[in-house]
Amino acid sequence: MTPPLRVVFETTAELSLESCENFLLDQLQLPLPHVEKISRGLVTTSLERLTAHPHTYPVCRLALELGIGHYRELLIDGYRVIYRFWPEREQVSVYLFAHQRQDFKQLLFEYQLLS
């Protein structure tokens, strides 16, 4: 049995999670306790799933349309988790959290994930 992989939440993931929280508060007008619960759930679920099976989720189609083929996309209850799997390092790097209604291409530009 293979050991679980190390999952690293990059600075862009932390910043985008905060942006996602602001989107939920400001645009969708969700109450703060609900937003905090969603954030915790996203981090916990992504950690659980990516530690065990990072290779099973598809390449991020929207990033691929922009010529970037190394990002994968995990969907969790209407949220995108964008990550990269580094098998040689036995590591997963999470780069972005986004609600499905956020402008995804804009987020890729904003967090400079187009390379």
Protein backbone atom coordinates (compact mmCIF):
# COMPACT_ATOMS: atom_id res chain seq x y z
CA MET A 1 0.00 0.00 0.00
CA THR A 2 1.34 3.42 -0.95
CA PRO A 3 1.77 6.01 1.77
CA PRO A 4 -0.52 9.05 1.61
CA LEU A 5 0.75 12.01 -0.34
CA ARG A 6 1.68 15.33 1.17
CA VAL A 7 -0.83 18.08 0.34
CA VAL A 8 0.47 21.66 0.34
CA PHE A 9 -1.91 24.61 0.28
CA GLU A 10 0.00 27.30 -1.61
CA THR A 11 -0.35 31.00 -0.80
CA THR A 12 -2.63 31.44 -3.82
CA ALA A 13 -4.97 28.79 -2.37
CA GLU A 14 -5.20 30.67 0.91
CA LEU A 15 -5.82 33.98 -0.85
CA SER A 16 -8.39 32.51 -3.22
CA LEU A 17 -10.24 30.83 -0.34
CA GLU A 18 -10.53 34.25 1.28
CA SER A 19 -11.76 35.67 -2.04
CA CYS A 20 -14.29 32.85 -2.28
CA GLU A 21 -15.49 33.63 1.25
CA ASN A 22 -15.93 37.29 0.31
CA PHE A 23 -17.88 36.24 -2.79
CA LEU A 24 -20.20 34.12 -0.65
CA LEU A 25 -20.68 36.93 1.86
CA ASP A 26 -21.02 39.85 -0.57
CA GLN A 27 -22.54 38.39 -3.73
CA LEU A 28 -24.58 35.49 -2.38
CA GLN A 29 -25.20 37.14 1.01
CA LEU A 30 -24.64 33.96 3.00
CA PRO A 31 -24.28 34.32 6.78
CA LEU A 32 -20.73 34.28 8.17
CA PRO A 33 -21.10 31.02 10.17
CA HIS A 34 -22.29 29.24 7.01
CA VAL A 35 -19.38 30.65 4.98
CA GLU A 36 -16.90 29.53 7.64
CA LYS A 37 -18.42 26.03 7.62
CA ILE A 38 -18.13 25.88 3.81
CA SER A 39 -14.47 26.94 3.97
CA ARG A 40 -13.58 24.34 6.58
CA GLY A 41 -15.41 21.70 4.57
CA LEU A 42 -13.58 22.60 1.36
CA VAL A 43 -10.18 22.37 3.02
CA THR A 44 -10.99 19.14 4.87
CA THR A 45 -12.60 17.39 1.90
CA SER A 46 -9.89 18.42 -0.54
CA LEU A 47 -7.22 17.24 1.88
CA GLU A 48 -8.92 13.86 2.33
CA ARG A 49 -9.53 13.27 -1.38
CA LEU A 50 -6.21 14.55 -2.69
CA THR A 51 -4.16 12.67 -0.11
CA ALA A 52 -5.68 9.40 -1.27
CA HIS A 53 -6.42 9.78 -5.00
CA PRO A 54 -4.97 12.90 -6.70
CA HIS A 55 -4.54 11.19 -10.07
CA THR A 56 -8.24 10.32 -10.46
CA TYR A 57 -9.53 13.85 -11.05
CA PRO A 58 -9.52 15.34 -14.55
CA VAL A 59 -7.26 17.94 -16.08
CA CYS A 60 -8.82 21.37 -15.64
CA ARG A 61 -10.60 21.98 -18.94
CA LEU A 62 -10.74 25.78 -18.64
CA ALA A 63 -7.00 26.00 -17.94
CA LEU A 64 -6.36 23.60 -20.82
CA GLU A 65 -8.27 25.94 -23.15
CA LEU A 66 -5.70 28.58 -22.19
CA GLY A 67 -2.83 26.22 -23.01
CA ILE A 68 -2.08 24.99 -19.49
CA GLY A 69 -2.34 21.24 -19.12
CA HIS A 70 -0.81 20.51 -15.73
CA TYR A 71 -3.65 21.66 -13.46
CA ARG A 72 -6.27 19.22 -12.29
CA GLU A 73 -9.72 20.06 -11.00
CA LEU A 74 -11.53 18.58 -8.03
CA LEU A 75 -15.21 19.53 -7.80
CA ILE A 76 -16.76 19.68 -4.33
CA ASP A 77 -20.41 20.73 -4.02
CA GLY A 78 -20.24 23.50 -6.62
CA TYR A 79 -16.70 24.61 -5.80
CA ARG A 80 -13.53 24.13 -7.83
CA VAL A 81 -10.26 23.09 -6.25
CA ILE A 82 -7.38 23.54 -8.69
CA TYR A 83 -4.23 21.61 -7.95
CA ARG A 84 -1.14 20.04 -9.43
CA PHE A 85 0.01 16.49 -8.75
CA TRP A 86 3.78 15.98 -8.48
CA PRO A 87 4.24 12.16 -8.44
CA GLU A 88 8.04 12.39 -8.30
CA ARG A 89 7.78 14.47 -5.11
CA GLU A 90 4.84 12.49 -3.72
CA GLN A 91 3.12 15.85 -3.32
CA VAL A 92 -0.04 17.67 -4.30
CA SER A 93 -0.01 21.48 -4.48
CA VAL A 94 -3.39 23.19 -4.16
CA TYR A 95 -3.42 26.54 -5.96
CA LEU A 96 -6.99 27.78 -6.11
CA PHE A 97 -10.43 27.53 -4.53
CA ALA A 98 -13.38 29.02 -6.41
CA HIS A 99 -17.16 28.99 -6.34
CA GLN A 100 -18.61 27.80 -9.65
CA ARG A 101 -20.19 31.25 -10.20
CA GLN A 102 -16.91 33.14 -9.83
CA ASP A 103 -15.13 34.18 -13.03
CA PHE A 104 -12.66 31.33 -13.28
CA LYS A 105 -10.51 32.72 -16.08
CA GLN A 106 -10.21 36.01 -14.21
CA LEU A 107 -9.06 34.12 -11.11
CA LEU A 108 -6.36 32.33 -13.12
CA PHE A 109 -5.06 35.71 -14.28
CA GLU A 110 -5.45 37.36 -10.87
CA TYR A 111 -3.46 34.67 -9.08
CA GLN A 112 -0.94 34.37 -11.94
CA LEU A 113 -1.60 30.67 -12.54
CA LEU A 114 -1.19 30.84 -16.30
CA SER A 115 2.24 29.25 -16.50
